N, C-alpha and C. Protein backbone atom coordinates (compact mmCIF):
# COMPACT_ATOMS: atom_id res chain seq x y z
N MET A 1 -18.23 14.68 27.02
CA MET A 1 -17.74 13.85 25.93
C MET A 1 -16.21 13.95 25.89
N MET A 2 -15.58 12.82 25.65
CA MET A 2 -14.12 12.77 25.51
C MET A 2 -13.78 12.25 24.12
N GLU A 3 -12.87 12.91 23.47
CA GLU A 3 -12.34 12.43 22.19
C GLU A 3 -11.03 11.70 22.46
N ARG A 4 -10.44 11.16 21.40
CA ARG A 4 -9.23 10.34 21.54
C ARG A 4 -8.12 11.01 22.36
N ILE A 5 -7.89 12.28 22.12
CA ILE A 5 -6.79 12.95 22.82
C ILE A 5 -7.00 12.96 24.33
N GLU A 6 -8.26 13.13 24.77
CA GLU A 6 -8.55 13.08 26.20
C GLU A 6 -8.51 11.64 26.73
N ILE A 7 -8.97 10.69 25.91
CA ILE A 7 -8.93 9.28 26.30
C ILE A 7 -7.48 8.86 26.55
N GLU A 8 -6.58 9.30 25.67
CA GLU A 8 -5.17 8.94 25.79
C GLU A 8 -4.51 9.52 27.03
N LYS A 9 -5.13 10.49 27.67
CA LYS A 9 -4.61 11.03 28.92
C LYS A 9 -4.98 10.14 30.11
N VAL A 10 -5.97 9.25 29.91
CA VAL A 10 -6.48 8.41 30.99
C VAL A 10 -5.97 6.98 30.90
N ILE A 11 -5.89 6.43 29.68
CA ILE A 11 -5.39 5.06 29.50
C ILE A 11 -4.18 5.08 28.58
N PRO A 12 -3.30 4.08 28.67
CA PRO A 12 -2.05 4.10 27.90
C PRO A 12 -2.17 3.61 26.45
N HIS A 13 -3.31 3.11 26.04
CA HIS A 13 -3.46 2.52 24.70
C HIS A 13 -3.35 3.57 23.61
N ARG A 14 -2.79 3.17 22.50
CA ARG A 14 -2.63 4.05 21.33
C ARG A 14 -2.96 3.25 20.08
N ALA A 15 -3.22 3.98 18.99
CA ALA A 15 -3.47 3.32 17.70
C ALA A 15 -2.25 2.48 17.35
N PRO A 16 -2.45 1.33 16.78
CA PRO A 16 -3.71 0.78 16.29
C PRO A 16 -4.48 -0.04 17.33
N PHE A 17 -4.09 0.06 18.60
CA PHE A 17 -4.74 -0.77 19.61
C PHE A 17 -5.64 0.02 20.56
N LEU A 18 -5.98 1.23 20.20
CA LEU A 18 -6.97 1.98 20.98
C LEU A 18 -8.33 1.62 20.41
N TRP A 19 -9.14 0.91 21.20
CA TRP A 19 -10.40 0.36 20.71
C TRP A 19 -11.64 1.12 21.15
N ILE A 20 -11.47 2.40 21.51
CA ILE A 20 -12.62 3.28 21.70
C ILE A 20 -12.30 4.61 21.03
N ASP A 21 -13.27 5.13 20.30
CA ASP A 21 -13.08 6.39 19.56
C ASP A 21 -13.46 7.61 20.38
N ARG A 22 -14.52 7.48 21.18
CA ARG A 22 -14.94 8.60 22.01
C ARG A 22 -15.77 8.08 23.18
N VAL A 23 -15.79 8.88 24.22
CA VAL A 23 -16.60 8.58 25.40
C VAL A 23 -17.77 9.54 25.38
N GLU A 24 -18.98 9.00 25.44
CA GLU A 24 -20.19 9.82 25.37
C GLU A 24 -20.78 10.12 26.75
N GLU A 25 -20.56 9.21 27.70
CA GLU A 25 -21.06 9.40 29.06
C GLU A 25 -19.99 8.93 30.02
N LEU A 26 -19.83 9.67 31.12
CA LEU A 26 -18.84 9.27 32.12
C LEU A 26 -19.27 9.72 33.50
N ASP A 27 -19.44 8.75 34.37
CA ASP A 27 -19.63 9.00 35.80
C ASP A 27 -18.41 8.33 36.43
N PRO A 28 -17.33 9.09 36.68
CA PRO A 28 -16.05 8.50 37.09
C PRO A 28 -16.17 7.48 38.20
N GLY A 29 -15.59 6.30 37.94
CA GLY A 29 -15.59 5.22 38.90
C GLY A 29 -16.88 4.42 38.97
N ILE A 30 -17.93 4.88 38.30
CA ILE A 30 -19.24 4.25 38.39
C ILE A 30 -19.72 3.67 37.06
N ARG A 31 -19.68 4.49 36.00
CA ARG A 31 -20.26 4.09 34.71
C ARG A 31 -19.58 4.85 33.59
N CYS A 32 -19.46 4.20 32.43
CA CYS A 32 -18.88 4.85 31.25
C CYS A 32 -19.53 4.27 29.99
N ALA A 33 -19.80 5.12 29.03
CA ALA A 33 -20.32 4.69 27.73
C ALA A 33 -19.41 5.24 26.65
N ALA A 34 -18.90 4.36 25.81
CA ALA A 34 -17.98 4.73 24.74
C ALA A 34 -18.46 4.13 23.43
N VAL A 35 -17.92 4.65 22.32
CA VAL A 35 -18.26 4.10 21.01
C VAL A 35 -16.99 3.85 20.21
N LYS A 36 -17.12 2.89 19.31
CA LYS A 36 -16.03 2.53 18.39
C LYS A 36 -16.63 2.20 17.04
N TRP A 37 -16.15 2.88 16.00
CA TRP A 37 -16.54 2.56 14.64
C TRP A 37 -15.61 1.45 14.16
N ILE A 38 -16.19 0.40 13.59
CA ILE A 38 -15.41 -0.76 13.16
C ILE A 38 -14.99 -0.56 11.71
N ASP A 39 -13.73 -0.23 11.56
CA ASP A 39 -13.15 0.07 10.25
C ASP A 39 -13.13 -1.18 9.37
N PRO A 40 -13.76 -1.10 8.19
CA PRO A 40 -13.74 -2.25 7.27
C PRO A 40 -12.33 -2.66 6.83
N GLU A 41 -11.36 -1.77 6.99
CA GLU A 41 -9.98 -2.08 6.61
C GLU A 41 -9.18 -2.71 7.74
N GLU A 42 -9.83 -2.98 8.86
CA GLU A 42 -9.15 -3.63 9.99
C GLU A 42 -8.47 -4.91 9.49
N PRO A 43 -7.15 -5.06 9.72
CA PRO A 43 -6.42 -6.23 9.20
C PRO A 43 -7.01 -7.58 9.61
N ALA A 44 -7.64 -7.67 10.76
CA ALA A 44 -8.20 -8.95 11.21
C ALA A 44 -9.25 -9.49 10.26
N PHE A 45 -9.93 -8.60 9.53
CA PHE A 45 -11.00 -9.05 8.62
C PHE A 45 -10.48 -9.86 7.44
N ARG A 46 -9.19 -9.72 7.11
CA ARG A 46 -8.65 -10.49 5.99
C ARG A 46 -8.68 -11.99 6.28
N GLY A 47 -8.56 -12.36 7.55
CA GLY A 47 -8.54 -13.79 7.86
C GLY A 47 -9.68 -14.26 8.74
N HIS A 48 -10.55 -13.35 9.15
CA HIS A 48 -11.64 -13.71 10.09
C HIS A 48 -12.96 -13.15 9.61
N PHE A 49 -13.58 -13.63 8.68
CA PHE A 49 -13.31 -14.79 7.86
C PHE A 49 -13.35 -14.34 6.41
N PRO A 50 -12.49 -14.87 5.52
CA PRO A 50 -12.50 -14.45 4.12
C PRO A 50 -13.89 -14.65 3.50
N GLY A 51 -14.42 -13.59 2.91
CA GLY A 51 -15.73 -13.66 2.28
C GLY A 51 -16.89 -13.42 3.24
N ARG A 52 -16.64 -13.50 4.54
CA ARG A 52 -17.68 -13.24 5.55
C ARG A 52 -17.01 -12.65 6.80
N PRO A 53 -16.56 -11.39 6.69
CA PRO A 53 -15.81 -10.80 7.80
C PRO A 53 -16.68 -10.56 9.04
N ILE A 54 -16.14 -11.00 10.18
CA ILE A 54 -16.76 -10.81 11.48
C ILE A 54 -15.67 -10.34 12.43
N LEU A 55 -15.96 -9.31 13.23
CA LEU A 55 -14.97 -8.82 14.18
C LEU A 55 -14.69 -9.90 15.22
N PRO A 56 -13.42 -10.26 15.44
CA PRO A 56 -13.10 -11.24 16.48
C PRO A 56 -13.58 -10.75 17.85
N GLY A 57 -14.16 -11.64 18.61
CA GLY A 57 -14.70 -11.30 19.91
C GLY A 57 -13.69 -10.70 20.87
N ILE A 58 -12.45 -11.07 20.74
CA ILE A 58 -11.43 -10.54 21.65
C ILE A 58 -11.34 -9.02 21.55
N PHE A 59 -11.66 -8.45 20.38
CA PHE A 59 -11.63 -7.00 20.23
C PHE A 59 -12.78 -6.34 21.01
N LEU A 60 -13.90 -7.04 21.15
CA LEU A 60 -15.01 -6.52 21.95
C LEU A 60 -14.64 -6.55 23.43
N ILE A 61 -13.96 -7.62 23.84
CA ILE A 61 -13.48 -7.70 25.22
C ILE A 61 -12.49 -6.56 25.49
N GLU A 62 -11.58 -6.34 24.56
CA GLU A 62 -10.59 -5.27 24.72
C GLU A 62 -11.25 -3.89 24.76
N ALA A 63 -12.24 -3.65 23.91
CA ALA A 63 -12.95 -2.37 23.92
C ALA A 63 -13.64 -2.17 25.27
N MET A 64 -14.21 -3.24 25.81
CA MET A 64 -14.86 -3.15 27.12
C MET A 64 -13.82 -2.87 28.21
N ALA A 65 -12.69 -3.54 28.15
CA ALA A 65 -11.63 -3.33 29.15
C ALA A 65 -11.12 -1.89 29.08
N GLN A 66 -10.95 -1.35 27.88
CA GLN A 66 -10.48 0.02 27.75
C GLN A 66 -11.53 1.02 28.25
N THR A 67 -12.80 0.74 27.99
CA THR A 67 -13.87 1.59 28.51
C THR A 67 -13.86 1.57 30.04
N ALA A 68 -13.68 0.39 30.61
CA ALA A 68 -13.57 0.26 32.07
C ALA A 68 -12.35 1.02 32.58
N GLY A 69 -11.26 0.97 31.83
CA GLY A 69 -10.05 1.71 32.21
C GLY A 69 -10.29 3.21 32.27
N VAL A 70 -11.05 3.73 31.31
CA VAL A 70 -11.40 5.15 31.33
C VAL A 70 -12.28 5.44 32.54
N MET A 71 -13.27 4.60 32.76
CA MET A 71 -14.20 4.79 33.88
C MET A 71 -13.44 4.84 35.21
N LEU A 72 -12.54 3.88 35.43
CA LEU A 72 -11.80 3.82 36.69
C LEU A 72 -10.70 4.87 36.75
N GLY A 73 -10.03 5.08 35.63
CA GLY A 73 -8.93 6.04 35.60
C GLY A 73 -9.39 7.47 35.80
N ALA A 74 -10.58 7.79 35.34
CA ALA A 74 -11.12 9.14 35.51
C ALA A 74 -11.49 9.42 36.95
N ALA A 75 -11.66 8.36 37.76
CA ALA A 75 -12.06 8.53 39.15
C ALA A 75 -10.87 8.65 40.09
N ALA A 76 -9.69 8.27 39.62
CA ALA A 76 -8.53 8.21 40.50
C ALA A 76 -7.53 9.32 40.18
N ALA A 77 -6.80 9.69 41.20
CA ALA A 77 -5.69 10.62 40.97
C ALA A 77 -4.63 9.86 40.17
N PRO A 78 -4.03 10.48 39.18
CA PRO A 78 -3.03 9.79 38.36
C PRO A 78 -1.89 9.23 39.21
N VAL A 79 -1.56 7.98 38.95
CA VAL A 79 -0.45 7.33 39.63
C VAL A 79 0.65 7.14 38.60
N PRO A 80 1.80 7.79 38.78
CA PRO A 80 2.87 7.67 37.79
C PRO A 80 3.22 6.22 37.52
N GLY A 81 3.23 5.85 36.24
CA GLY A 81 3.59 4.50 35.84
C GLY A 81 2.51 3.46 35.99
N ALA A 82 1.35 3.81 36.54
CA ALA A 82 0.28 2.83 36.72
C ALA A 82 -0.39 2.51 35.39
N THR A 83 -0.69 1.25 35.19
CA THR A 83 -1.35 0.79 33.97
C THR A 83 -2.50 -0.12 34.35
N PRO A 84 -3.72 0.17 33.86
CA PRO A 84 -4.82 -0.76 34.13
C PRO A 84 -4.60 -2.04 33.33
N LEU A 85 -4.74 -3.18 34.01
CA LEU A 85 -4.51 -4.47 33.36
C LEU A 85 -5.77 -5.32 33.45
N LEU A 86 -6.05 -6.04 32.38
CA LEU A 86 -7.15 -6.99 32.37
C LEU A 86 -6.70 -8.23 33.13
N ALA A 87 -7.37 -8.54 34.23
CA ALA A 87 -6.97 -9.67 35.07
C ALA A 87 -7.80 -10.92 34.81
N ALA A 88 -9.09 -10.74 34.42
CA ALA A 88 -9.94 -11.91 34.19
C ALA A 88 -11.12 -11.51 33.30
N VAL A 89 -11.59 -12.48 32.53
CA VAL A 89 -12.80 -12.35 31.72
C VAL A 89 -13.78 -13.36 32.30
N ASN A 90 -14.92 -12.86 32.77
CA ASN A 90 -15.87 -13.71 33.49
C ASN A 90 -17.23 -13.72 32.77
N ARG A 91 -17.78 -14.90 32.60
CA ARG A 91 -19.15 -15.04 32.06
C ARG A 91 -19.40 -14.13 30.86
N PHE A 92 -18.56 -14.22 29.88
CA PHE A 92 -18.69 -13.38 28.69
C PHE A 92 -19.44 -14.15 27.61
N LYS A 93 -20.41 -13.48 26.97
CA LYS A 93 -21.19 -14.12 25.91
C LYS A 93 -21.22 -13.22 24.68
N PHE A 94 -21.08 -13.85 23.52
CA PHE A 94 -21.21 -13.16 22.24
C PHE A 94 -22.56 -13.53 21.67
N LEU A 95 -23.41 -12.56 21.47
CA LEU A 95 -24.80 -12.82 21.10
C LEU A 95 -25.14 -12.44 19.66
N LYS A 96 -24.32 -11.59 19.04
CA LYS A 96 -24.60 -11.11 17.68
C LYS A 96 -23.27 -10.74 17.03
N PRO A 97 -23.02 -11.19 15.81
CA PRO A 97 -21.77 -10.81 15.15
C PRO A 97 -21.67 -9.31 14.93
N VAL A 98 -20.46 -8.78 15.06
CA VAL A 98 -20.18 -7.38 14.75
C VAL A 98 -19.46 -7.37 13.41
N LEU A 99 -19.97 -6.55 12.49
CA LEU A 99 -19.50 -6.54 11.11
C LEU A 99 -18.74 -5.26 10.77
N PRO A 100 -17.94 -5.31 9.71
CA PRO A 100 -17.23 -4.11 9.27
C PRO A 100 -18.21 -2.97 8.99
N GLY A 101 -17.81 -1.76 9.38
CA GLY A 101 -18.62 -0.57 9.11
C GLY A 101 -19.67 -0.28 10.17
N GLN A 102 -19.83 -1.16 11.14
CA GLN A 102 -20.80 -0.91 12.20
C GLN A 102 -20.15 -0.08 13.31
N GLU A 103 -20.99 0.57 14.09
CA GLU A 103 -20.51 1.28 15.27
C GLU A 103 -21.02 0.55 16.50
N VAL A 104 -20.11 0.26 17.42
CA VAL A 104 -20.51 -0.41 18.64
C VAL A 104 -20.53 0.61 19.78
N ARG A 105 -21.44 0.38 20.71
CA ARG A 105 -21.52 1.20 21.92
C ARG A 105 -21.19 0.28 23.07
N ILE A 106 -20.24 0.71 23.89
CA ILE A 106 -19.77 -0.10 25.01
C ILE A 106 -20.14 0.63 26.29
N VAL A 107 -20.84 -0.06 27.18
CA VAL A 107 -21.21 0.52 28.47
C VAL A 107 -20.64 -0.35 29.57
N THR A 108 -19.90 0.28 30.49
CA THR A 108 -19.36 -0.45 31.64
C THR A 108 -19.90 0.16 32.92
N THR A 109 -20.09 -0.72 33.90
CA THR A 109 -20.56 -0.31 35.23
C THR A 109 -19.73 -1.05 36.27
N ARG A 110 -19.25 -0.33 37.24
CA ARG A 110 -18.48 -0.96 38.31
C ARG A 110 -19.43 -1.73 39.22
N LEU A 111 -19.11 -3.00 39.46
CA LEU A 111 -19.89 -3.82 40.38
C LEU A 111 -19.29 -3.78 41.78
N VAL A 112 -17.99 -4.09 41.87
CA VAL A 112 -17.29 -4.16 43.15
C VAL A 112 -15.87 -3.67 42.93
N GLU A 113 -15.36 -2.94 43.91
CA GLU A 113 -13.96 -2.53 43.87
C GLU A 113 -13.34 -2.84 45.21
N ALA A 114 -12.17 -3.46 45.19
CA ALA A 114 -11.46 -3.80 46.42
C ALA A 114 -9.98 -3.55 46.19
N GLY A 115 -9.46 -2.54 46.84
CA GLY A 115 -8.06 -2.21 46.66
C GLY A 115 -7.76 -1.82 45.22
N LYS A 116 -6.84 -2.54 44.62
CA LYS A 116 -6.45 -2.25 43.24
C LYS A 116 -7.23 -3.05 42.21
N MET A 117 -8.20 -3.86 42.66
CA MET A 117 -8.98 -4.68 41.73
C MET A 117 -10.43 -4.19 41.68
N ALA A 118 -11.01 -4.33 40.49
CA ALA A 118 -12.42 -3.97 40.32
C ALA A 118 -13.09 -4.98 39.41
N CYS A 119 -14.30 -5.35 39.76
CA CYS A 119 -15.11 -6.21 38.90
C CYS A 119 -16.07 -5.29 38.15
N ILE A 120 -16.11 -5.45 36.84
CA ILE A 120 -16.85 -4.57 35.95
C ILE A 120 -17.87 -5.37 35.16
N GLU A 121 -19.07 -4.84 35.04
CA GLU A 121 -20.09 -5.42 34.17
C GLU A 121 -20.11 -4.58 32.89
N GLY A 122 -20.24 -5.26 31.75
CA GLY A 122 -20.25 -4.51 30.50
C GLY A 122 -21.19 -5.09 29.47
N GLN A 123 -21.57 -4.21 28.56
CA GLN A 123 -22.45 -4.60 27.45
C GLN A 123 -21.99 -3.87 26.20
N VAL A 124 -21.98 -4.61 25.09
CA VAL A 124 -21.67 -4.03 23.78
C VAL A 124 -22.92 -4.14 22.93
N THR A 125 -23.35 -3.03 22.33
CA THR A 125 -24.53 -3.05 21.48
C THR A 125 -24.20 -2.49 20.10
N VAL A 126 -24.99 -2.93 19.13
CA VAL A 126 -24.95 -2.39 17.77
C VAL A 126 -26.39 -2.02 17.43
N ASP A 127 -26.63 -0.76 17.14
CA ASP A 127 -27.98 -0.27 16.84
C ASP A 127 -29.00 -0.69 17.90
N GLY A 128 -28.58 -0.63 19.18
CA GLY A 128 -29.48 -0.95 20.28
C GLY A 128 -29.66 -2.43 20.57
N VAL A 129 -29.04 -3.30 19.78
CA VAL A 129 -29.15 -4.75 19.99
C VAL A 129 -27.86 -5.25 20.65
N THR A 130 -28.00 -6.04 21.70
CA THR A 130 -26.84 -6.53 22.43
C THR A 130 -26.04 -7.50 21.56
N ALA A 131 -24.75 -7.18 21.42
CA ALA A 131 -23.82 -8.04 20.67
C ALA A 131 -22.98 -8.89 21.60
N ALA A 132 -22.66 -8.35 22.78
CA ALA A 132 -21.84 -9.09 23.75
C ALA A 132 -22.13 -8.53 25.14
N VAL A 133 -21.97 -9.40 26.13
CA VAL A 133 -22.20 -9.01 27.52
C VAL A 133 -21.30 -9.86 28.39
N GLY A 134 -20.83 -9.27 29.49
CA GLY A 134 -20.00 -10.06 30.39
C GLY A 134 -19.43 -9.24 31.51
N GLU A 135 -18.56 -9.87 32.29
CA GLU A 135 -17.89 -9.22 33.39
C GLU A 135 -16.38 -9.33 33.20
N LEU A 136 -15.68 -8.30 33.65
CA LEU A 136 -14.23 -8.27 33.60
C LEU A 136 -13.70 -7.95 34.99
N THR A 137 -12.52 -8.44 35.29
CA THR A 137 -11.80 -8.02 36.48
C THR A 137 -10.60 -7.22 35.98
N VAL A 138 -10.47 -6.01 36.52
CA VAL A 138 -9.41 -5.10 36.11
C VAL A 138 -8.52 -4.83 37.31
N LEU A 139 -7.21 -4.82 37.09
CA LEU A 139 -6.23 -4.56 38.12
C LEU A 139 -5.48 -3.28 37.77
N SER A 140 -5.36 -2.39 38.72
CA SER A 140 -4.54 -1.19 38.55
C SER A 140 -3.16 -1.51 39.08
N ALA A 141 -2.19 -1.62 38.17
CA ALA A 141 -0.83 -2.00 38.59
C ALA A 141 0.18 -0.97 38.14
């Protein structure tokens, strides 16, 4: 298990833009499972949507990208100045709204890696129900 302090050693993200709270499972370079508690005070909820707050989907994509960054970063020797970058969002679907106060579980699995690029499959669940699923391309730059 990795807590925030260990996560911050692997990826460059910091609060308020660190979108994973802890890593529960890690097979470096192969698979990673992380969780994020969705704070009801998240500023995005004030406008998305007033009276019916729903977490914007882009935050789920970002949480998945950060989980993939931990998965890939934990497998590689640290490269000074290297930053994992989201290069593409592929076939992403939002299947269930994520609400304030819920905890999401993000699981990423490496599909293909070629040089500095990797294609990642990911799933976001809430209480065991799939909220989002898709593929990301990540570049180590």
